[in-house]
């Protein structure tokens, strides 16, 4: 194992040295009053041992503090710490807004030409991983299908550059979507079961 970098010069190497640190910090960021170690482990989705180790490390660099003792001991972020105020909390706010930013970008760029825009697949099921496509179904009138399809492909190239996620759009005319629904198309049925509508008009209302 290589020599660890100096803390003062590279503090984030220490703060983010393990995935459990990130999960725990995310769990604690909205708990001003603090939470028990067990509650923190549950909120972070990590086991008790990993939580205890992460808490010890983060306490050692001053990022978290403990209050009380024994069974009544609570842990919370050290909101007076410069890194917490100036780096971690803004970073977690940006992370929280990332999904909304993606959706707003799609709505702003494609929403005027589409009747519906629906995210489906792994992103809708919250099973996506780095490298997963963002699957998107667009439904529009027959007269605008070709232009919307071209626009979506062009938009997708910029989307990938900006967000690092490959957009995979499918465009149906309203009549095509209705026909697929009547014929029990498995893809459309799957989209209707778990898809996330981005526009005011819903896919289910258009096809039925």
Protein backbone atom coordinates (compact mmCIF):
# COMPACT_ATOMS: atom_id res chain seq x y z
CA UNK A 1 0.00 0.00 0.00
CA UNK A 2 1.34 3.44 -0.94
CA UNK A 3 2.16 6.07 1.60
CA UNK A 4 -0.83 8.20 2.57
CA UNK A 5 -0.72 11.83 1.55
CA UNK A 6 -0.44 14.62 4.10
CA UNK A 7 -3.79 15.49 5.64
CA UNK A 8 -3.46 19.28 5.50
CA UNK A 9 -2.43 19.21 1.85
CA UNK A 10 -4.93 16.53 0.75
CA UNK A 11 -7.73 16.32 3.36
CA UNK A 12 -10.28 14.90 0.92
CA UNK A 13 -8.12 11.80 0.42
CA UNK A 14 -8.78 11.08 4.08
CA UNK A 15 -12.43 12.15 4.19
CA UNK A 16 -13.33 10.00 1.15
CA UNK A 17 -10.88 7.17 1.81
CA UNK A 18 -13.68 4.55 1.98
CA UNK A 19 -17.19 4.25 0.48
CA UNK A 20 -18.54 3.84 4.02
CA UNK A 21 -17.33 7.37 4.80
CA UNK A 22 -19.37 8.80 1.94
CA UNK A 23 -22.50 6.84 2.89
CA UNK A 24 -22.20 7.89 6.52
CA UNK A 25 -21.59 11.57 5.76
CA UNK A 26 -24.60 11.58 3.43
CA UNK A 27 -26.74 10.04 6.18
CA UNK A 28 -25.62 12.60 8.77
CA UNK A 29 -25.78 15.73 6.62
CA UNK A 30 -29.46 16.51 7.37
CA UNK A 31 -29.40 15.51 11.05
CA UNK A 32 -28.45 18.62 13.01
CA UNK A 33 -29.39 16.98 16.32
CA UNK A 34 -27.41 13.83 15.53
CA UNK A 35 -28.33 10.15 15.58
CA UNK A 36 -27.25 6.99 17.31
CA UNK A 37 -24.59 4.78 15.80
CA UNK A 38 -27.19 2.12 14.93
CA UNK A 39 -29.48 4.67 13.31
CA UNK A 40 -26.55 6.09 11.35
CA UNK A 41 -25.60 2.60 10.12
CA UNK A 42 -29.18 1.94 8.96
CA UNK A 43 -29.45 5.31 7.25
CA UNK A 44 -26.10 4.80 5.53
CA UNK A 45 -26.92 1.22 4.49
CA UNK A 46 -23.77 -0.21 6.05
CA UNK A 47 -23.22 -2.77 8.80
CA UNK A 48 -22.52 -1.79 12.39
CA UNK A 49 -18.82 -2.68 12.24
CA UNK A 50 -18.21 -0.62 9.08
CA UNK A 51 -20.13 2.26 10.65
CA UNK A 52 -18.07 2.15 13.83
CA UNK A 53 -14.80 2.13 11.88
CA UNK A 54 -15.94 5.01 9.67
CA UNK A 55 -17.07 7.03 12.69
CA UNK A 56 -13.72 6.49 14.41
CA UNK A 57 -11.81 7.64 11.33
CA UNK A 58 -14.01 10.67 10.68
CA UNK A 59 -13.91 11.66 14.35
CA UNK A 60 -10.15 11.38 14.21
CA UNK A 61 -9.97 14.08 11.54
CA UNK A 62 -12.61 16.22 13.22
CA UNK A 63 -15.38 15.80 10.63
CA UNK A 64 -17.86 14.27 13.08
CA UNK A 65 -18.41 14.78 16.79
CA UNK A 66 -20.04 12.64 19.48
CA UNK A 67 -22.50 13.88 22.07
CA UNK A 68 -23.52 12.16 25.30
CA UNK A 69 -22.30 8.75 26.42
CA UNK A 70 -23.25 5.09 26.43
CA UNK A 71 -26.60 4.21 24.89
CA UNK A 72 -27.55 7.87 24.67
CA UNK A 73 -24.50 8.86 22.59
CA UNK A 74 -25.29 10.62 19.33
CA UNK A 75 -23.05 11.39 16.37
CA UNK A 76 -23.36 14.35 14.03
CA UNK A 77 -21.36 16.35 11.53
CA UNK A 78 -19.07 18.97 12.98
CA UNK A 79 -20.77 21.97 11.41
CA UNK A 80 -18.00 24.26 12.63
CA UNK A 81 -15.38 22.41 10.58
CA UNK A 82 -14.24 24.39 7.54
CA UNK A 83 -14.29 21.34 5.27
CA UNK A 84 -17.83 20.47 6.31
CA UNK A 85 -19.11 24.01 5.71
CA UNK A 86 -17.15 24.86 2.57
CA UNK A 87 -16.73 21.51 0.81
CA UNK A 88 -18.88 18.63 2.05
CA UNK A 89 -22.28 20.30 2.47
CA UNK A 90 -22.10 22.14 -0.90
CA UNK A 91 -21.00 18.89 -2.55
CA UNK A 92 -23.93 16.93 -1.11
CA UNK A 93 -26.32 19.72 -2.12
CA UNK A 94 -25.01 19.47 -5.68
CA UNK A 95 -25.42 15.69 -5.59
CA UNK A 96 -29.01 16.03 -4.39
CA UNK A 97 -29.78 18.46 -7.20
CA UNK A 98 -28.05 16.37 -9.90
CA UNK A 99 -31.09 14.24 -10.77
CA UNK A 100 -33.41 17.25 -10.92
CA UNK A 101 -30.89 19.05 -13.13
CA UNK A 102 -30.82 16.13 -15.57
CA UNK A 103 -34.60 16.01 -15.78
CA UNK A 104 -34.94 19.78 -16.15
CA UNK A 105 -32.44 19.72 -19.00
CA UNK A 106 -34.51 17.12 -20.86
CA UNK A 107 -37.76 18.99 -20.22
CA UNK A 108 -36.32 22.32 -21.33
CA UNK A 109 -34.74 20.96 -24.52
CA UNK A 110 -37.32 18.41 -25.69
CA UNK A 111 -40.52 19.14 -23.77
CA UNK A 112 -41.96 21.76 -26.13
CA UNK A 113 -41.98 19.35 -29.07
CA UNK A 114 -43.14 16.26 -27.14
CA UNK A 115 -46.52 15.35 -25.68
CA UNK A 116 -44.88 13.07 -23.12
CA UNK A 117 -41.33 12.34 -22.02
CA UNK A 118 -40.82 9.29 -19.82
CA UNK A 119 -37.63 7.95 -18.25
CA UNK A 120 -37.59 4.17 -18.00
CA UNK A 121 -35.19 1.28 -17.54
CA UNK A 122 -32.51 1.06 -14.89
CA UNK A 123 -32.56 4.80 -14.10
CA UNK A 124 -36.29 4.68 -13.35
CA UNK A 125 -35.82 1.57 -11.20
CA UNK A 126 -32.82 3.17 -9.44
CA UNK A 127 -30.62 0.29 -10.56
CA UNK A 128 -28.36 2.30 -12.86
CA UNK A 129 -24.58 2.09 -12.64
CA UNK A 130 -21.74 4.06 -14.25
CA UNK A 131 -22.03 3.35 -17.98
CA UNK A 132 -25.78 2.71 -17.87
CA UNK A 133 -27.89 4.47 -20.49
CA UNK A 134 -30.63 6.89 -19.52
CA UNK A 135 -33.58 5.44 -21.45
CA UNK A 136 -36.16 8.00 -22.58
CA UNK A 137 -39.46 7.51 -24.42
CA UNK A 138 -40.82 10.52 -26.27
CA UNK A 139 -44.33 10.62 -27.71
CA UNK A 140 -45.38 13.33 -30.13
CA UNK A 141 -47.75 13.98 -33.02
CA UNK A 142 -46.97 12.21 -36.30
CA UNK A 143 -46.05 15.47 -38.04
CA UNK A 144 -43.28 16.25 -35.57
CA UNK A 145 -41.96 12.73 -34.93
CA UNK A 146 -39.00 12.90 -37.34
CA UNK A 147 -37.84 16.33 -36.23
CA UNK A 148 -38.16 15.42 -32.54
CA UNK A 149 -36.23 12.19 -33.08
CA UNK A 150 -33.39 14.10 -34.76
CA UNK A 151 -33.44 16.76 -32.06
CA UNK A 152 -33.30 14.11 -29.31
CA UNK A 153 -30.27 12.44 -30.90
CA UNK A 154 -28.46 15.77 -31.22
CA UNK A 155 -29.40 16.75 -27.66
CA UNK A 156 -28.15 13.38 -26.44
CA UNK A 157 -24.63 14.04 -27.69
CA UNK A 158 -24.38 17.24 -25.66
CA UNK A 159 -26.07 15.56 -22.71
CA UNK A 160 -23.35 12.90 -22.59
CA UNK A 161 -20.59 15.49 -22.70
CA UNK A 162 -22.18 17.54 -19.92
CA UNK A 163 -23.31 14.81 -17.53
CA UNK A 164 -21.26 11.75 -18.49
CA UNK A 165 -24.45 9.75 -19.10
CA UNK A 166 -25.48 8.33 -22.46
CA UNK A 167 -29.05 9.30 -23.39
CA UNK A 168 -30.93 6.59 -25.29
CA UNK A 169 -34.13 8.16 -26.71
CA UNK A 170 -37.00 6.36 -28.47
CA UNK A 171 -39.62 8.43 -30.29
CA UNK A 172 -43.16 7.25 -31.06
CA UNK A 173 -46.00 9.08 -32.71
CA UNK A 174 -49.18 9.19 -30.65
CA UNK A 175 -50.85 6.69 -32.99
CA UNK A 176 -47.88 4.32 -32.75
CA UNK A 177 -47.93 4.49 -28.95
CA UNK A 178 -51.68 3.79 -28.88
CA UNK A 179 -51.30 0.84 -31.24
CA UNK A 180 -48.49 -0.65 -29.19
CA UNK A 181 -50.61 -0.32 -26.07
CA UNK A 182 -53.59 -2.05 -27.71
CA UNK A 183 -51.32 -4.87 -28.94
CA UNK A 184 -49.78 -5.43 -25.51
CA UNK A 185 -46.28 -4.36 -26.52
CA UNK A 186 -43.99 -5.64 -23.72
CA UNK A 187 -41.65 -2.64 -23.79
CA UNK A 188 -44.48 -0.14 -23.52
CA UNK A 189 -46.12 -2.24 -20.82
CA UNK A 190 -42.84 -2.19 -18.89
CA UNK A 191 -42.49 1.58 -19.29
CA UNK A 192 -46.03 2.14 -18.04
CA UNK A 193 -45.33 0.01 -14.97
CA UNK A 194 -42.27 1.88 -13.72
CA UNK A 195 -41.58 4.87 -15.98
CA UNK A 196 -41.16 8.41 -14.64
CA UNK A 197 -43.12 11.08 -16.53
CA UNK A 198 -41.31 14.40 -16.91
CA UNK A 199 -44.04 16.51 -18.51
CA UNK A 200 -47.52 17.55 -17.47
CA UNK A 201 -49.20 15.07 -19.80
CA UNK A 202 -48.77 11.45 -18.67
CA UNK A 203 -47.95 8.52 -20.92
CA UNK A 204 -50.82 6.43 -19.54
CA UNK A 205 -53.31 9.15 -20.46
CA UNK A 206 -52.02 9.41 -24.02
CA UNK A 207 -52.05 5.71 -24.90
CA UNK A 208 -55.33 4.68 -23.25
